[in-house]
Amino acid sequence: MQVRFVCSEPRAMISSITELSTCKYALTVQTPMLCRHPLFQEERPVWHSIDCNVLPKDYKEEDKADRTQIVMVTEDKYPSNDRTEE
């Protein structure tokens, strides 16, 4: 048997019992306690910005072959918003 918990207001209740296949069931429980629990919050996407620079006029395509190291620079300009929306 699978037991599925779902955030739901205003009270806790069993919302459904489903037979998934022969002798295999899913029980769905709705409860308001999960609505504010951090482990049941929706994951928020992480956004990063990419800043582009204009290449110098004398840039040549073969200059790329001379580079032996790639350096990644990151800045946390947009920290994640851990607050939940209500």
N, C-alpha and C. Protein backbone atom coordinates (compact mmCIF):
# COMPACT_ATOMS: atom_id res chain seq x y z
N MET A 1 0.84 -1.18 0.00
CA MET A 1 0.00 0.00 0.00
C MET A 1 0.89 1.24 0.00
N GLN A 2 0.54 2.19 -0.83
CA GLN A 2 1.20 3.49 -0.85
C GLN A 2 0.36 4.46 -0.04
N VAL A 3 1.03 5.29 0.75
CA VAL A 3 0.33 6.35 1.47
C VAL A 3 0.89 7.66 0.96
N ARG A 4 0.01 8.49 0.42
CA ARG A 4 0.41 9.77 -0.18
C ARG A 4 -0.13 10.89 0.69
N PHE A 5 0.74 11.81 1.07
CA PHE A 5 0.34 12.95 1.88
C PHE A 5 0.31 14.19 1.01
N VAL A 6 -0.75 15.00 1.19
CA VAL A 6 -0.95 16.19 0.38
C VAL A 6 -1.29 17.35 1.30
N CYS A 7 -0.72 18.51 1.00
CA CYS A 7 -1.06 19.73 1.74
C CYS A 7 -2.48 20.13 1.36
N SER A 8 -3.31 20.34 2.37
CA SER A 8 -4.69 20.75 2.11
C SER A 8 -5.26 21.44 3.33
N GLU A 9 -5.98 22.51 3.11
CA GLU A 9 -6.67 23.23 4.19
C GLU A 9 -8.15 22.86 4.13
N PRO A 10 -8.93 22.96 5.12
CA PRO A 10 -8.64 23.42 6.46
C PRO A 10 -8.44 22.29 7.46
N ARG A 11 -8.76 21.01 7.07
CA ARG A 11 -8.67 19.93 8.07
C ARG A 11 -8.04 18.69 7.45
N ALA A 12 -7.58 17.79 8.32
CA ALA A 12 -6.98 16.54 7.86
C ALA A 12 -8.08 15.54 7.54
N MET A 13 -7.86 14.79 6.44
CA MET A 13 -8.85 13.77 6.08
C MET A 13 -8.25 12.82 5.04
N ILE A 14 -8.82 11.64 4.96
CA ILE A 14 -8.46 10.70 3.90
C ILE A 14 -9.29 11.10 2.69
N SER A 15 -8.62 11.47 1.61
CA SER A 15 -9.37 11.97 0.46
C SER A 15 -9.67 10.89 -0.58
N SER A 16 -8.83 9.83 -0.61
CA SER A 16 -9.14 8.77 -1.57
C SER A 16 -8.40 7.48 -1.22
N ILE A 17 -8.98 6.39 -1.64
CA ILE A 17 -8.34 5.07 -1.61
C ILE A 17 -8.51 4.51 -3.01
N THR A 18 -7.39 4.25 -3.67
CA THR A 18 -7.43 3.83 -5.07
C THR A 18 -6.74 2.48 -5.22
N GLU A 19 -7.34 1.59 -5.99
CA GLU A 19 -6.70 0.31 -6.29
C GLU A 19 -5.88 0.52 -7.57
N LEU A 20 -4.55 0.54 -7.40
CA LEU A 20 -3.65 0.78 -8.53
C LEU A 20 -3.58 -0.43 -9.46
N SER A 21 -3.55 -1.59 -8.86
CA SER A 21 -3.60 -2.86 -9.58
C SER A 21 -4.13 -3.88 -8.59
N THR A 22 -4.24 -5.13 -8.97
CA THR A 22 -4.79 -6.15 -8.08
C THR A 22 -4.01 -6.19 -6.77
N CYS A 23 -4.71 -5.97 -5.67
CA CYS A 23 -4.14 -6.00 -4.31
C CYS A 23 -3.06 -4.94 -4.07
N LYS A 24 -3.06 -3.88 -4.85
CA LYS A 24 -2.10 -2.78 -4.65
C LYS A 24 -2.92 -1.49 -4.57
N TYR A 25 -2.80 -0.79 -3.42
CA TYR A 25 -3.66 0.36 -3.15
C TYR A 25 -2.84 1.61 -2.87
N ALA A 26 -3.46 2.76 -3.09
CA ALA A 26 -2.88 4.06 -2.75
C ALA A 26 -3.89 4.81 -1.89
N LEU A 27 -3.43 5.25 -0.73
CA LEU A 27 -4.25 6.00 0.20
C LEU A 27 -3.75 7.44 0.18
N THR A 28 -4.62 8.41 -0.10
CA THR A 28 -4.22 9.82 -0.13
C THR A 28 -4.79 10.50 1.10
N VAL A 29 -3.89 11.12 1.87
CA VAL A 29 -4.25 11.82 3.10
C VAL A 29 -3.99 13.30 2.89
N GLN A 30 -5.00 14.13 3.10
CA GLN A 30 -4.84 15.58 3.02
C GLN A 30 -4.70 16.12 4.43
N THR A 31 -3.70 16.97 4.64
CA THR A 31 -3.47 17.51 5.97
C THR A 31 -2.89 18.93 5.90
N PRO A 32 -3.38 19.84 6.73
CA PRO A 32 -2.84 21.21 6.73
C PRO A 32 -1.45 21.31 7.36
N MET A 33 -1.03 20.31 8.13
CA MET A 33 0.27 20.36 8.79
C MET A 33 1.42 20.39 7.77
N LEU A 34 1.21 19.82 6.60
CA LEU A 34 2.28 19.78 5.60
C LEU A 34 2.46 21.09 4.86
N CYS A 35 1.44 21.93 4.86
CA CYS A 35 1.48 23.16 4.07
C CYS A 35 2.64 24.08 4.45
N ARG A 36 3.06 24.04 5.68
CA ARG A 36 4.15 24.92 6.12
C ARG A 36 5.43 24.16 6.43
N HIS A 37 5.42 22.85 6.28
CA HIS A 37 6.61 22.06 6.57
C HIS A 37 7.65 22.27 5.48
N PRO A 38 8.92 22.57 5.84
CA PRO A 38 9.94 22.88 4.83
C PRO A 38 10.22 21.74 3.84
N LEU A 39 10.06 20.50 4.25
CA LEU A 39 10.34 19.39 3.33
C LEU A 39 9.25 19.19 2.29
N PHE A 40 8.10 19.81 2.49
CA PHE A 40 7.01 19.68 1.54
C PHE A 40 6.78 20.95 0.72
N GLN A 41 7.73 21.88 0.79
CA GLN A 41 7.62 23.11 0.01
C GLN A 41 8.06 22.86 -1.43
N GLU A 42 7.48 23.59 -2.33
CA GLU A 42 7.83 23.48 -3.74
C GLU A 42 9.25 24.00 -3.94
N GLU A 43 10.03 23.26 -4.72
CA GLU A 43 11.38 23.72 -5.02
C GLU A 43 11.31 24.90 -5.96
N ARG A 44 12.13 25.88 -5.69
CA ARG A 44 12.16 27.08 -6.52
C ARG A 44 13.37 27.02 -7.45
N PRO A 45 13.18 27.43 -8.70
CA PRO A 45 14.31 27.39 -9.64
C PRO A 45 15.40 28.38 -9.24
N VAL A 46 16.62 28.03 -9.55
CA VAL A 46 17.76 28.91 -9.29
C VAL A 46 18.10 29.61 -10.60
N TRP A 47 18.21 30.93 -10.54
CA TRP A 47 18.52 31.72 -11.73
C TRP A 47 19.93 32.27 -11.63
N HIS A 48 20.65 32.23 -12.72
CA HIS A 48 21.98 32.82 -12.81
C HIS A 48 21.99 33.78 -13.98
N SER A 49 22.78 34.84 -13.87
CA SER A 49 22.88 35.76 -14.99
C SER A 49 24.21 35.54 -15.71
N ILE A 50 24.19 35.78 -16.98
CA ILE A 50 25.40 35.69 -17.80
C ILE A 50 25.66 37.07 -18.36
N ASP A 51 26.81 37.63 -18.03
CA ASP A 51 27.19 38.94 -18.54
C ASP A 51 28.11 38.75 -19.74
N CYS A 52 27.73 39.34 -20.85
CA CYS A 52 28.52 39.22 -22.07
C CYS A 52 29.33 40.49 -22.29
N ASN A 53 30.52 40.33 -22.83
CA ASN A 53 31.38 41.46 -23.13
C ASN A 53 31.64 41.50 -24.63
N VAL A 54 31.79 42.70 -25.15
CA VAL A 54 32.10 42.87 -26.56
C VAL A 54 33.56 42.50 -26.77
N LEU A 55 33.81 41.73 -27.84
CA LEU A 55 35.19 41.35 -28.16
C LEU A 55 35.93 42.55 -28.75
N PRO A 56 37.22 42.64 -28.49
CA PRO A 56 37.99 43.74 -29.08
C PRO A 56 38.00 43.62 -30.61
N LYS A 57 38.14 44.75 -31.28
CA LYS A 57 38.12 44.75 -32.75
C LYS A 57 39.24 43.92 -33.34
N ASP A 58 40.36 43.82 -32.64
CA ASP A 58 41.50 43.06 -33.18
C ASP A 58 41.46 41.58 -32.79
N TYR A 59 40.36 41.12 -32.23
CA TYR A 59 40.22 39.71 -31.84
C TYR A 59 40.22 38.83 -33.09
N LYS A 60 40.97 37.74 -33.02
CA LYS A 60 41.04 36.78 -34.12
C LYS A 60 40.62 35.42 -33.61
N GLU A 61 40.00 34.66 -34.46
CA GLU A 61 39.49 33.34 -34.07
C GLU A 61 40.60 32.44 -33.54
N GLU A 62 41.80 32.51 -34.10
CA GLU A 62 42.89 31.64 -33.65
C GLU A 62 43.37 31.97 -32.24
N ASP A 63 42.98 33.14 -31.70
CA ASP A 63 43.36 33.49 -30.33
C ASP A 63 42.78 32.50 -29.32
N LYS A 64 41.66 31.87 -29.63
CA LYS A 64 41.04 30.93 -28.70
C LYS A 64 41.94 29.73 -28.44
N ALA A 65 42.71 29.30 -29.43
CA ALA A 65 43.58 28.13 -29.27
C ALA A 65 44.70 28.40 -28.29
N ASP A 66 45.05 29.65 -28.09
CA ASP A 66 46.15 29.99 -27.18
C ASP A 66 45.75 29.88 -25.71
N ARG A 67 44.47 29.84 -25.44
CA ARG A 67 44.00 29.78 -24.05
C ARG A 67 44.13 28.34 -23.54
N THR A 68 44.76 28.19 -22.39
CA THR A 68 44.94 26.86 -21.83
C THR A 68 44.08 26.65 -20.59
N GLN A 69 43.48 27.71 -20.07
CA GLN A 69 42.71 27.58 -18.85
C GLN A 69 41.39 28.33 -19.00
N ILE A 70 40.32 27.72 -18.50
CA ILE A 70 39.02 28.37 -18.48
C ILE A 70 38.69 28.64 -17.01
N VAL A 71 38.32 29.86 -16.72
CA VAL A 71 38.00 30.24 -15.35
C VAL A 71 36.54 30.63 -15.29
N MET A 72 35.83 30.05 -14.34
CA MET A 72 34.41 30.38 -14.15
C MET A 72 34.29 31.30 -12.95
N VAL A 73 33.68 32.45 -13.18
CA VAL A 73 33.49 33.43 -12.11
C VAL A 73 32.00 33.49 -11.81
N THR A 74 31.65 33.28 -10.56
CA THR A 74 30.24 33.33 -10.18
C THR A 74 30.04 34.38 -9.10
N GLU A 75 28.89 35.00 -9.15
CA GLU A 75 28.51 35.96 -8.14
C GLU A 75 27.11 35.62 -7.67
N ASP A 76 26.87 35.77 -6.41
CA ASP A 76 25.56 35.47 -5.87
C ASP A 76 24.74 36.77 -5.81
N LYS A 77 24.46 37.32 -7.01
CA LYS A 77 23.69 38.55 -7.08
C LYS A 77 22.23 38.32 -6.74
N TYR A 78 21.75 37.12 -7.00
CA TYR A 78 20.34 36.81 -6.81
C TYR A 78 20.20 35.65 -5.83
N PRO A 79 20.31 35.92 -4.52
CA PRO A 79 20.20 34.82 -3.55
C PRO A 79 18.80 34.21 -3.59
N SER A 80 18.75 32.95 -3.24
CA SER A 80 17.45 32.25 -3.27
C SER A 80 16.54 32.84 -2.22
N ASN A 81 15.27 32.85 -2.54
CA ASN A 81 14.27 33.37 -1.63
C ASN A 81 13.67 32.20 -0.88
N ASP A 82 14.06 32.04 0.37
CA ASP A 82 13.61 30.89 1.17
C ASP A 82 12.24 31.14 1.81
N ARG A 83 11.70 32.33 1.66
CA ARG A 83 10.39 32.61 2.23
C ARG A 83 9.33 31.96 1.38
N THR A 84 8.32 31.46 2.03
CA THR A 84 7.22 30.84 1.29
C THR A 84 6.14 31.87 1.05
N GLU A 85 5.49 31.75 -0.08
CA GLU A 85 4.40 32.65 -0.40
C GLU A 85 3.10 32.06 0.13
N GLU A 86 2.29 32.88 0.71
CA GLU A 86 1.03 32.39 1.25
C GLU A 86 -0.11 33.02 0.51
